[in-house]
Structures are given as C-alpha cells and as structure tokens.
Amino acid sequence: MIRSAATLAPPLAVVPETVDAANSADLPYYQPTGDECALFEHAYTHRLPLLLKGPTGCGKTRFVAHMAAKLGRPLYTVSCHDDLTAADLTGRYLLKGGDTVWADG
C-alpha cells in the first residue's frame, strides 16, 4: 500500500480563523484573486509542498509574506542568482590560519 505524505504526518496546527479587523492591519497587504489562501492553508496544515510559479512582479513574494504573517510563521528570504551554491545556503568548512572552521551559510 502506498501512502501519501499527507497521511503519514499529522497536521502541523489548526489554521487560525480569518484575521479580524484589529489584526488585519499587521498583515502585508494581499488581495486574493481566487481560493489561493484556502489552498495554501490546506497545504500548510497537511504538510504538503507548494510550487509558486509566475513572472517577475506578479505577487508571489507578497502572497507568501501575507500567508506567513497570517499563520504566525517567520519568513526568511533568499536572493538567488546564477552563482548560488548549496554551500552558500547551508554553510561550509573553511581553512582559517592553520585551523578548519565551520562558516554558516
């Protein structure tokens, strides 16, 4: 029997109810165009991966910032470029003087 990742792991947490007017001022502005917020919340609670795809400037980062704030999660952004390597993100051992030291990414 093959099980999906959603059936193996319990949901992370209960998604907060819609943000009330008092808390909505703290959220980055985002105007939904469909049911993307509900889909994101479903994926979040069931630990499902998401791929956001679109041209530059279409609102992918704004949407993720909005959802991170709504769900009370921290958001870390990484500026990617052609020369970015996995070691740039995770860290690496470097030679410093005569010692080998770990440098965080």
PDB file of N, CA and C in Angstrom:
ATOM      1  N   MET A   1       0.840  -1.179   0.000  1.00  0.00           N
ATOM      2  CA  MET A   1       0.000   0.000   0.000  1.00  0.00           C
ATOM      3  C   MET A   1       0.884   1.241   0.000  1.00  0.00           C
ATOM      4  N   ILE A   2       0.624   2.153  -0.885  1.00  0.00           N
ATOM      5  CA  ILE A   2       1.384   3.402  -0.974  1.00  0.00           C
ATOM      6  C   ILE A   2       0.599   4.472  -0.241  1.00  0.00           C
ATOM      7  N   ARG A   3       1.296   5.194   0.637  1.00  0.00           N
ATOM      8  CA  ARG A   3       0.656   6.270   1.391  1.00  0.00           C
ATOM      9  C   ARG A   3       1.256   7.595   0.973  1.00  0.00           C
ATOM     10  N   SER A   4       0.438   8.581   0.908  1.00  0.00           N
ATOM     11  CA  SER A   4       0.944   9.911   0.572  1.00  0.00           C
ATOM     12  C   SER A   4       1.538  10.544   1.824  1.00  0.00           C
ATOM     13  N   ALA A   5       2.335  11.580   1.636  1.00  0.00           N
ATOM     14  CA  ALA A   5       2.945  12.289   2.762  1.00  0.00           C
ATOM     15  C   ALA A   5       1.887  12.873   3.677  1.00  0.00           C
ATOM     16  N   ALA A   6       0.735  13.223   3.125  1.00  0.00           N
ATOM     17  CA  ALA A   6      -0.325  13.830   3.938  1.00  0.00           C
ATOM     18  C   ALA A   6      -0.893  12.837   4.947  1.00  0.00           C
ATOM     19  N   THR A   7      -0.893  11.522   4.615  1.00  0.00           N
ATOM     20  CA  THR A   7      -1.443  10.542   5.544  1.00  0.00           C
ATOM     21  C   THR A   7      -0.415  10.084   6.557  1.00  0.00           C
ATOM     22  N   LEU A   8       0.865  10.298   6.285  1.00  0.00           N
ATOM     23  CA  LEU A   8       1.915   9.865   7.203  1.00  0.00           C
ATOM     24  C   LEU A   8       2.122  10.820   8.368  1.00  0.00           C
ATOM     25  N   ALA A   9       1.963  12.090   8.134  1.00  0.00           N
ATOM     26  CA  ALA A   9       2.236  13.097   9.163  1.00  0.00           C
ATOM     27  C   ALA A   9       0.941  13.765   9.592  1.00  0.00           C
ATOM     28  N   PRO A  10       0.797  13.985  10.889  1.00  0.00           N
ATOM     29  CA  PRO A  10      -0.389  14.706  11.339  1.00  0.00           C
ATOM     30  C   PRO A  10      -0.299  16.167  10.922  1.00  0.00           C
ATOM     31  N   PRO A  11      -1.418  16.854  10.874  1.00  0.00           N
ATOM     32  CA  PRO A  11      -1.374  18.277  10.531  1.00  0.00           C
ATOM     33  C   PRO A  11      -0.492  19.051  11.506  1.00  0.00           C
ATOM     34  N   LEU A  12       0.147  20.117  11.012  1.00  0.00           N
ATOM     35  CA  LEU A  12       1.033  20.933  11.842  1.00  0.00           C
ATOM     36  C   LEU A  12       0.271  21.623  12.963  1.00  0.00           C
ATOM     37  N   ALA A  13      -0.792  22.259  12.621  1.00  0.00           N
ATOM     38  CA  ALA A  13      -1.548  23.029  13.602  1.00  0.00           C
ATOM     39  C   ALA A  13      -2.889  23.392  13.005  1.00  0.00           C
ATOM     40  N   VAL A  14      -3.748  23.842  13.830  1.00  0.00           N
ATOM     41  CA  VAL A  14      -5.022  24.346  13.335  1.00  0.00           C
ATOM     42  C   VAL A  14      -4.764  25.722  12.748  1.00  0.00           C
ATOM     43  N   VAL A  15      -5.248  25.933  11.558  1.00  0.00           N
ATOM     44  CA  VAL A  15      -5.062  27.225  10.908  1.00  0.00           C
ATOM     45  C   VAL A  15      -5.943  28.240  11.604  1.00  0.00           C
ATOM     46  N   PRO A  16      -5.398  29.417  11.937  1.00  0.00           N
ATOM     47  CA  PRO A  16      -6.206  30.434  12.593  1.00  0.00           C
ATOM     48  C   PRO A  16      -7.424  30.805  11.749  1.00  0.00           C
ATOM     49  N   GLU A  17      -8.461  31.199  12.423  1.00  0.00           N
ATOM     50  CA  GLU A  17      -9.647  31.678  11.712  1.00  0.00           C
ATOM     51  C   GLU A  17      -9.280  32.931  10.946  1.00  0.00           C
ATOM     52  N   THR A  18     -10.174  33.377  10.114  1.00  0.00           N
ATOM     53  CA  THR A  18      -9.889  34.595   9.367  1.00  0.00           C
ATOM     54  C   THR A  18      -9.475  35.702  10.309  1.00  0.00           C
ATOM     55  N   VAL A  19      -8.527  36.470   9.866  1.00  0.00           N
ATOM     56  CA  VAL A  19      -7.994  37.554  10.687  1.00  0.00           C
ATOM     57  C   VAL A  19      -9.065  38.617  10.841  1.00  0.00           C
ATOM     58  N   ASP A  20      -9.267  39.055  12.081  1.00  0.00           N
ATOM     59  CA  ASP A  20     -10.274  40.098  12.295  1.00  0.00           C
ATOM     60  C   ASP A  20      -9.709  41.467  11.929  1.00  0.00           C
ATOM     61  N   ALA A  21     -10.539  42.463  11.952  1.00  0.00           N
ATOM     62  CA  ALA A  21     -10.148  43.807  11.520  1.00  0.00           C
ATOM     63  C   ALA A  21      -9.009  44.373  12.363  1.00  0.00           C
ATOM     64  N   ALA A  22      -8.943  44.010  13.648  1.00  0.00           N
ATOM     65  CA  ALA A  22      -7.883  44.540  14.522  1.00  0.00           C
ATOM     66  C   ALA A  22      -6.521  44.005  14.113  1.00  0.00           C
ATOM     67  N   ASN A  23      -6.453  42.747  13.692  1.00  0.00           N
ATOM     68  CA  ASN A  23      -5.175  42.140  13.329  1.00  0.00           C
ATOM     69  C   ASN A  23      -4.836  42.320  11.860  1.00  0.00           C
ATOM     70  N   SER A  24      -5.801  42.664  11.026  1.00  0.00           N
ATOM     71  CA  SER A  24      -5.544  42.739   9.593  1.00  0.00           C
ATOM     72  C   SER A  24      -4.573  43.860   9.238  1.00  0.00           C
ATOM     73  N   ALA A  25      -4.454  44.873  10.082  1.00  0.00           N
ATOM     74  CA  ALA A  25      -3.517  45.963   9.802  1.00  0.00           C
ATOM     75  C   ALA A  25      -2.067  45.491   9.916  1.00  0.00           C
ATOM     76  N   ASP A  26      -1.826  44.403  10.661  1.00  0.00           N
ATOM     77  CA  ASP A  26      -0.471  43.889  10.835  1.00  0.00           C
ATOM     78  C   ASP A  26      -0.016  43.030   9.660  1.00  0.00           C
ATOM     79  N   LEU A  27      -0.943  42.591   8.821  1.00  0.00           N
ATOM     80  CA  LEU A  27      -0.606  41.711   7.707  1.00  0.00           C
ATOM     81  C   LEU A  27      -0.128  42.514   6.499  1.00  0.00           C
ATOM     82  N   PRO A  28       0.858  41.968   5.772  1.00  0.00           N
ATOM     83  CA  PRO A  28       1.199  42.600   4.496  1.00  0.00           C
ATOM     84  C   PRO A  28      -0.029  42.553   3.586  1.00  0.00           C
ATOM     85  N   TYR A  29      -0.294  43.630   2.865  1.00  0.00           N
ATOM     86  CA  TYR A  29      -1.490  43.691   2.034  1.00  0.00           C
ATOM     87  C   TYR A  29      -1.413  42.660   0.921  1.00  0.00           C
ATOM     88  N   TYR A  30      -2.484  41.918   0.757  1.00  0.00           N
ATOM     89  CA  TYR A  30      -2.622  40.993  -0.363  1.00  0.00           C
ATOM     90  C   TYR A  30      -4.094  40.866  -0.680  1.00  0.00           C
ATOM     91  N   GLN A  31      -4.474  41.037  -1.944  1.00  0.00           N
ATOM     92  CA  GLN A  31      -5.858  40.901  -2.383  1.00  0.00           C
ATOM     93  C   GLN A  31      -6.001  39.564  -3.107  1.00  0.00           C
ATOM     94  N   PRO A  32      -6.666  38.592  -2.493  1.00  0.00           N
ATOM     95  CA  PRO A  32      -6.830  37.285  -3.154  1.00  0.00           C
ATOM     96  C   PRO A  32      -7.594  37.423  -4.467  1.00  0.00           C
ATOM     97  N   THR A  33      -7.226  36.587  -5.430  1.00  0.00           N
ATOM     98  CA  THR A  33      -7.924  36.581  -6.713  1.00  0.00           C
ATOM     99  C   THR A  33      -8.765  35.330  -6.890  1.00  0.00           C
ATOM    100  N   GLY A  34      -8.623  34.402  -5.972  1.00  0.00           N
ATOM    101  CA  GLY A  34      -9.361  33.134  -6.033  1.00  0.00           C
ATOM    102  C   GLY A  34      -9.333  32.491  -4.663  1.00  0.00           C
ATOM    103  N   ASP A  35      -9.153  31.183  -4.646  1.00  0.00           N
ATOM    104  CA  ASP A  35      -9.113  30.457  -3.372  1.00  0.00           C
ATOM    105  C   ASP A  35      -7.684  30.091  -2.968  1.00  0.00           C
ATOM    106  N   GLU A  36      -6.698  30.893  -3.400  1.00  0.00           N
ATOM    107  CA  GLU A  36      -5.299  30.566  -3.121  1.00  0.00           C
ATOM    108  C   GLU A  36      -4.966  30.570  -1.636  1.00  0.00           C
ATOM    109  N   CYS A  37      -5.601  31.413  -0.851  1.00  0.00           N
ATOM    110  CA  CYS A  37      -5.333  31.447   0.593  1.00  0.00           C
ATOM    111  C   CYS A  37      -5.807  30.162   1.253  1.00  0.00           C
ATOM    112  N   ALA A  38      -6.990  29.701   0.896  1.00  0.00           N
ATOM    113  CA  ALA A  38      -7.509  28.446   1.451  1.00  0.00           C
ATOM    114  C   ALA A  38      -6.652  27.265   1.011  1.00  0.00           C
ATOM    115  N   LEU A  39      -6.204  27.258  -0.242  1.00  0.00           N
ATOM    116  CA  LEU A  39      -5.336  26.175  -0.720  1.00  0.00           C
ATOM    117  C   LEU A  39      -4.010  26.173   0.019  1.00  0.00           C
ATOM    118  N   PHE A  40      -3.447  27.352   0.239  1.00  0.00           N
ATOM    119  CA  PHE A  40      -2.186  27.456   0.965  1.00  0.00           C
ATOM    120  C   PHE A  40      -2.358  26.944   2.395  1.00  0.00           C
ATOM    121  N   GLU A  41      -3.442  27.354   3.063  1.00  0.00           N
ATOM    122  CA  GLU A  41      -3.699  26.903   4.432  1.00  0.00           C
ATOM    123  C   GLU A  41      -3.875  25.388   4.491  1.00  0.00           C
ATOM    124  N   HIS A  42      -4.554  24.816   3.505  1.00  0.00           N
ATOM    125  CA  HIS A  42      -4.724  23.359   3.456  1.00  0.00           C
ATOM    126  C   HIS A  42      -3.370  22.670   3.311  1.00  0.00           C
ATOM    127  N   ALA A  43      -2.539  23.167   2.398  1.00  0.00           N
ATOM    128  CA  ALA A  43      -1.209  22.585   2.204  1.00  0.00           C
ATOM    129  C   ALA A  43      -0.376  22.714   3.469  1.00  0.00           C
ATOM    130  N   TYR A  44      -0.477  23.860   4.148  1.00  0.00           N
ATOM    131  CA  TYR A  44       0.278  24.090   5.377  1.00  0.00           C
ATOM    132  C   TYR A  44      -0.135  23.104   6.473  1.00  0.00           C
ATOM    133  N   THR A  45      -1.424  22.944   6.683  1.00  0.00           N
ATOM    134  CA  THR A  45      -1.880  22.073   7.772  1.00  0.00           C
ATOM    135  C   THR A  45      -1.587  20.608   7.493  1.00  0.00           C
ATOM    136  N   HIS A  46      -1.497  20.238   6.222  1.00  0.00           N
ATOM    137  CA  HIS A  46      -1.248  18.835   5.876  1.00  0.00           C
ATOM    138  C   HIS A  46       0.182  18.575   5.422  1.00  0.00           C
ATOM    139  N   ARG A  47       1.056  19.560   5.633  1.00  0.00           N
ATOM    140  CA  ARG A  47       2.484  19.430   5.289  1.00  0.00           C
ATOM    141  C   ARG A  47       2.705  19.048   3.835  1.00  0.00           C
ATOM    142  N   LEU A  48       1.988  19.686   2.965  1.00  0.00           N
ATOM    143  CA  LEU A  48       2.124  19.427   1.538  1.00  0.00           C
ATOM    144  C   LEU A  48       2.995  20.506   0.904  1.00  0.00           C
ATOM    145  N   PRO A  49       3.910  20.127   0.022  1.00  0.00           N
ATOM    146  CA  PRO A  49       4.745  21.139  -0.634  1.00  0.00           C
ATOM    147  C   PRO A  49       3.954  21.918  -1.667  1.00  0.00           C
ATOM    148  N   LEU A  50       4.406  23.134  -1.914  1.00  0.00           N
ATOM    149  CA  LEU A  50       3.782  24.000  -2.915  1.00  0.00           C
ATOM    150  C   LEU A  50       4.837  24.531  -3.859  1.00  0.00           C
ATOM    151  N   LEU A  51       4.447  24.773  -5.075  1.00  0.00           N
ATOM    152  CA  LEU A  51       5.302  25.454  -6.042  1.00  0.00           C
ATOM    153  C   LEU A  51       4.540  26.682  -6.502  1.00  0.00           C
ATOM    154  N   LEU A  52       5.126  27.836  -6.293  1.00  0.00           N
ATOM    155  CA  LEU A  52       4.538  29.083  -6.778  1.00  0.00           C
ATOM    156  C   LEU A  52       5.322  29.493  -8.012  1.00  0.00           C
ATOM    157  N   LYS A  53       4.621  29.687  -9.085  1.00  0.00           N
ATOM    158  CA  LYS A  53       5.283  29.985 -10.351  1.00  0.00           C
ATOM    159  C   LYS A  53       4.595  31.166 -11.003  1.00  0.00           C
ATOM    160  N   GLY A  54       5.388  32.070 -11.520  1.00  0.00           N
ATOM    161  CA  GLY A  54       4.825  33.211 -12.218  1.00  0.00           C
ATOM    162  C   GLY A  54       5.920  34.185 -12.590  1.00  0.00           C
ATOM    163  N   PRO A  55       5.601  35.132 -13.444  1.00  0.00           N
ATOM    164  CA  PRO A  55       6.605  36.103 -13.881  1.00  0.00           C
ATOM    165  C   PRO A  55       6.989  37.066 -12.760  1.00  0.00           C
ATOM    166  N   THR A  56       8.087  37.724 -12.946  1.00  0.00           N
ATOM    167  CA  THR A  56       8.552  38.724 -12.003  1.00  0.00           C
ATOM    168  C   THR A  56       7.472  39.780 -11.792  1.00  0.00           C
ATOM    169  N   GLY A  57       7.209  40.089 -10.512  1.00  0.00           N
ATOM    170  CA  GLY A  57       6.260  41.151 -10.201  1.00  0.00           C
ATOM    171  C   GLY A  57       4.806  40.733 -10.131  1.00  0.00           C
ATOM    172  N   CYS A  58       4.513  39.435 -10.214  1.00  0.00           N
ATOM    173  CA  CYS A  58       3.098  39.032 -10.210  1.00  0.00           C
ATOM    174  C   CYS A  58       2.529  38.864  -8.796  1.00  0.00           C
ATOM    175  N   GLY A  59       3.378  38.906  -7.744  1.00  0.00           N
ATOM    176  CA  GLY A  59       2.870  38.854  -6.377  1.00  0.00           C
ATOM    177  C   GLY A  59       3.175  37.600  -5.594  1.00  0.00           C
ATOM    178  N   LYS A  60       4.092  36.761  -6.067  1.00  0.00           N
ATOM    179  CA  LYS A  60       4.435  35.528  -5.349  1.00  0.00           C
ATOM    180  C   LYS A  60       5.002  35.832  -3.965  1.00  0.00           C
ATOM    181  N   THR A  61       5.950  36.721  -3.878  1.00  0.00           N
ATOM    182  CA  THR A  61       6.571  37.057  -2.599  1.00  0.00           C
ATOM    183  C   THR A  61       5.574  37.743  -1.681  1.00  0.00           C
ATOM    184  N   ARG A  62       4.768  38.624  -2.193  1.00  0.00           N
ATOM    185  CA  ARG A  62       3.752  39.316  -1.396  1.00  0.00           C
ATOM    186  C   ARG A  62       2.772  38.296  -0.817  1.00  0.00           C
ATOM    187  N   PHE A  63       2.356  37.329  -1.615  1.00  0.00           N
ATOM    188  CA  PHE A  63       1.429  36.297  -1.161  1.00  0.00           C
ATOM    189  C   PHE A  63       2.040  35.478  -0.025  1.00  0.00           C
ATOM    190  N   VAL A  64       3.288  35.059  -0.191  1.00  0.00           N
ATOM    191  CA  VAL A  64       3.942  34.258   0.842  1.00  0.00           C
ATOM    192  C   VAL A  64       4.144  35.085   2.113  1.00  0.00           C
ATOM    193  N   ALA A  65       4.504  36.355   1.991  1.00  0.00           N
ATOM    194  CA  ALA A  65       4.658  37.217   3.165  1.00  0.00           C
ATOM    195  C   ALA A  65       3.319  37.364   3.892  1.00  0.00           C
ATOM    196  N   HIS A  66       2.246  37.515   3.139  1.00  0.00           N
ATOM    197  CA  HIS A  66       0.905  37.625   3.720  1.00  0.00           C
ATOM    198  C   HIS A  66       0.541  36.347   4.469  1.00  0.00           C
ATOM    199  N   MET A  67       0.764  35.211   3.846  1.00  0.00           N
ATOM    200  CA  MET A  67       0.382  33.938   4.467  1.00  0.00           C
ATOM    201  C   MET A  67       1.262  33.626   5.674  1.00  0.00           C
ATOM    202  N   ALA A  68       2.544  33.951   5.621  1.00  0.00           N
ATOM    203  CA  ALA A  68       3.424  33.728   6.770  1.00  0.00           C
ATOM    204  C   ALA A  68       2.944  34.550   7.959  1.00  0.00           C
ATOM    205  N   ALA A  69       2.587  35.796   7.725  1.00  0.00           N
ATOM    206  CA  ALA A  69       2.085  36.645   8.805  1.00  0.00           C
ATOM    207  C   ALA A  69       0.751  36.129   9.326  1.00  0.00           C
ATOM    208  N   LYS A  70      -0.131  35.718   8.429  1.00  0.00           N
ATOM    209  CA  LYS A  70      -1.444  35.221   8.815  1.00  0.00           C
ATOM    210  C   LYS A  70      -1.331  33.954   9.656  1.00  0.00           C
ATOM    211  N   LEU A  71      -0.364  33.092   9.328  1.00  0.00           N
ATOM    212  CA  LEU A  71      -0.177  31.837  10.050  1.00  0.00           C
ATOM    213  C   LEU A  71       0.777  31.978  11.234  1.00  0.00           C
ATOM    214  N   GLY A  72       1.310  33.175  11.432  1.00  0.00           N
ATOM    215  CA  GLY A  72       2.213  33.401  12.559  1.00  0.00           C
ATOM    216  C   GLY A  72       3.548  32.698  12.419  1.00  0.00           C
ATOM    217  N   ARG A  73       4.034  32.564  11.193  1.00  0.00           N
ATOM    218  CA  ARG A  73       5.297  31.884  10.923  1.00  0.00           C
ATOM    219  C   ARG A  73       6.351  32.896  10.491  1.00  0.00           C
ATOM    220  N   PRO A  74       7.618  32.659  10.837  1.00  0.00           N
ATOM    221  CA  PRO A  74       8.669  33.563  10.362  1.00  0.00           C
ATOM    222  C   PRO A  74       8.897  33.365   8.863  1.00  0.00           C
ATOM    223  N   LEU A  75       9.393  34.383   8.219  1.00  0.00           N
ATOM    224  CA  LEU A  75       9.680  34.306   6.789  1.00  0.00           C
ATOM    225  C   LEU A  75      11.115  34.756   6.561  1.00  0.00           C
ATOM    226  N   TYR A  76      11.869  33.920   5.898  1.00  0.00           N
ATOM    227  CA  TYR A  76      13.250  34.232   5.542  1.00  0.00           C
ATOM    228  C   TYR A  76      13.330  34.249   4.024  1.00  0.00           C
ATOM    229  N   THR A  77      13.870  35.308   3.473  1.00  0.00           N
ATOM    230  CA  THR A  77      14.001  35.394   2.021  1.00  0.00           C
ATOM    231  C   THR A  77      15.458  35.213   1.628  1.00  0.00           C
ATOM    232  N   VAL A  78      15.659  34.583   0.489  1.00  0.00           N
ATOM    233  CA  VAL A  78      16.989  34.343  -0.051  1.00  0.00           C
ATOM    234  C   VAL A  78      17.005  34.869  -1.475  1.00  0.00           C
ATOM    235  N   SER A  79      17.934  35.748  -1.755  1.00  0.00           N
ATOM    236  CA  SER A  79      18.075  36.243  -3.122  1.00  0.00           C
ATOM    237  C   SER A  79      18.932  35.263  -3.902  1.00  0.00           C
ATOM    238  N   CYS A  80      18.327  34.612  -4.857  1.00  0.00           N
ATOM    239  CA  CYS A  80      19.042  33.606  -5.652  1.00  0.00           C
ATOM    240  C   CYS A  80      19.650  34.247  -6.889  1.00  0.00           C
ATOM    241  N   HIS A  81      20.738  33.654  -7.333  1.00  0.00           N
ATOM    242  CA  HIS A  81      21.413  34.121  -8.535  1.00  0.00           C
ATOM    243  C   HIS A  81      22.121  32.944  -9.175  1.00  0.00           C
ATOM    244  N   ASP A  82      22.686  33.136 -10.330  1.00  0.00           N
ATOM    245  CA  ASP A  82      23.302  32.041 -11.087  1.00  0.00           C
ATOM    246  C   ASP A  82      24.469  31.389 -10.365  1.00  0.00           C
ATOM    247  N   ASP A  83      25.192  32.147  -9.539  1.00  0.00           N
ATOM    248  CA  ASP A  83      26.378  31.607  -8.868  1.00  0.00           C
ATOM    249  C   ASP A  83      26.084  31.044  -7.486  1.00  0.00           C
ATOM    250  N   LEU A  84      24.829  30.998  -7.062  1.00  0.00           N
ATOM    251  CA  LEU A  84      24.459  30.498  -5.744  1.00  0.00           C
ATOM    252  C   LEU A  84      24.661  28.982  -5.685  1.00  0.00           C
ATOM    253  N   THR A  85      25.316  28.514  -4.615  1.00  0.00           N
ATOM    254  CA  THR A  85      25.536  27.078  -4.428  1.00  0.00           C
ATOM    255  C   THR A  85      24.852  26.619  -3.152  1.00  0.00           C
ATOM    256  N   ALA A  86      24.722  25.319  -2.999  1.00  0.00           N
ATOM    257  CA  ALA A  86      24.128  24.757  -1.784  1.00  0.00           C
ATOM    258  C   ALA A  86      24.952  25.162  -0.562  1.00  0.00           C
ATOM    259  N   ALA A  87      26.273  25.202  -0.695  1.00  0.00           N
ATOM    260  CA  ALA A  87      27.136  25.585   0.422  1.00  0.00           C
ATOM    261  C   ALA A  87      26.903  27.034   0.849  1.00  0.00           C
ATOM    262  N   ASP A  88      26.516  27.882  -0.101  1.00  0.00           N
ATOM    263  CA  ASP A  88      26.188  29.269   0.256  1.00  0.00           C
ATOM    264  C   ASP A  88      25.000  29.316   1.215  1.00  0.00           C
ATOM    265  N   LEU A  89      24.092  28.373   1.095  1.00  0.00           N
ATOM    266  CA  LEU A  89      22.897  28.338   1.928  1.00  0.00           C
ATOM    267  C   LEU A  89      23.107  27.568   3.225  1.00  0.00           C
ATOM    268  N   THR A  90      23.779  26.429   3.152  1.00  0.00           N
ATOM    269  CA  THR A  90      23.907  25.561   4.327  1.00  0.00           C
ATOM    270  C   THR A  90      25.144  25.842   5.155  1.00  0.00           C
ATOM    271  N   GLY A  91      26.208  26.294   4.532  1.00  0.00           N
ATOM    272  CA  GLY A  91      27.476  26.527   5.223  1.00  0.00           C
ATOM    273  C   GLY A  91      28.552  25.609   4.691  1.00  0.00           C
ATOM    274  N   ARG A  92      29.773  25.815   5.188  1.00  0.00           N
ATOM    275  CA  ARG A  92      30.900  25.004   4.715  1.00  0.00           C
ATOM    276  C   ARG A  92      32.060  25.127   5.679  1.00  0.00           C
ATOM    277  N   TYR A  93      32.970  24.181   5.576  1.00  0.00           N
ATOM    278  CA  TYR A  93      34.212  24.265   6.343  1.00  0.00           C
ATOM    279  C   TYR A  93      35.204  25.111   5.550  1.00  0.00           C
ATOM    280  N   LEU A  94      35.898  26.007   6.267  1.00  0.00           N
ATOM    281  CA  LEU A  94      36.912  26.865   5.658  1.00  0.00           C
ATOM    282  C   LEU A  94      38.219  26.715   6.404  1.00  0.00           C
ATOM    283  N   LEU A  95      39.301  26.925   5.706  1.00  0.00           N
ATOM    284  CA  LEU A  95      40.617  26.937   6.335  1.00  0.00           C
ATOM    285  C   LEU A  95      40.914  28.363   6.764  1.00  0.00           C
ATOM    286  N   LYS A  96      41.182  28.540   8.060  1.00  0.00           N
ATOM    287  CA  LYS A  96      41.481  29.859   8.603  1.00  0.00           C
ATOM    288  C   LYS A  96      42.770  29.720   9.406  1.00  0.00           C
ATOM    289  N   GLY A  97      43.818  30.338   8.899  1.00  0.00           N
ATOM    290  CA  GLY A  97      45.122  30.141   9.535  1.00  0.00           C
ATOM    291  C   GLY A  97      45.516  28.681   9.351  1.00  0.00           C
ATOM    292  N   GLY A  98      45.746  27.977  10.455  1.00  0.00           N
ATOM    293  CA  GLY A  98      46.034  26.550  10.379  1.00  0.00           C
ATOM    294  C   GLY A  98      44.867  25.700  10.842  1.00  0.00           C
ATOM    295  N   ASP A  99      43.695  26.321  11.059  1.00  0.00           N
ATOM    296  CA  ASP A  99      42.531  25.607  11.577  1.00  0.00           C
ATOM    297  C   ASP A  99      41.455  25.446  10.501  1.00  0.00           C
ATOM    298  N   THR A 100      40.631  24.458  10.724  1.00  0.00           N
ATOM    299  CA  THR A 100      39.449  24.265   9.890  1.00  0.00           C
ATOM    300  C   THR A 100      38.252  24.704  10.714  1.00  0.00           C
ATOM    301  N   VAL A 101      37.499  25.679  10.221  1.00  0.00           N
ATOM    302  CA  VAL A 101      36.361  26.221  10.960  1.00  0.00           C
ATOM    303  C   VAL A 101      35.101  26.143  10.105  1.00  0.00           C
ATOM    304  N   TRP A 102      33.967  26.017  10.771  1.00  0.00           N
ATOM    305  CA  TRP A 102      32.681  25.991  10.074  1.00  0.00           C
ATOM    306  C   TRP A 102      32.173  27.423   9.911  1.00  0.00           C
ATOM    307  N   ALA A 103      31.720  27.749   8.723  1.00  0.00           N
ATOM    308  CA  ALA A 103      31.112  29.060   8.440  1.00  0.00           C
ATOM    309  C   ALA A 103      29.666  28.812   8.017  1.00  0.00           C
ATOM    310  N   ASP A 104      28.730  29.343   8.795  1.00  0.00           N
ATOM    311  CA  ASP A 104      27.323  29.189   8.451  1.00  0.00           C
ATOM    312  C   ASP A 104      27.029  29.844   7.110  1.00  0.00           C
ATOM    313  N   GLY A 105      26.040  29.301   6.417  1.00  0.00           N
ATOM    314  CA  GLY A 105      25.627  29.863   5.127  1.00  0.00           C
ATOM    315  C   GLY A 105      24.756  31.069   5.308  1.00  0.00           C
TER     316      GLY A 105
END
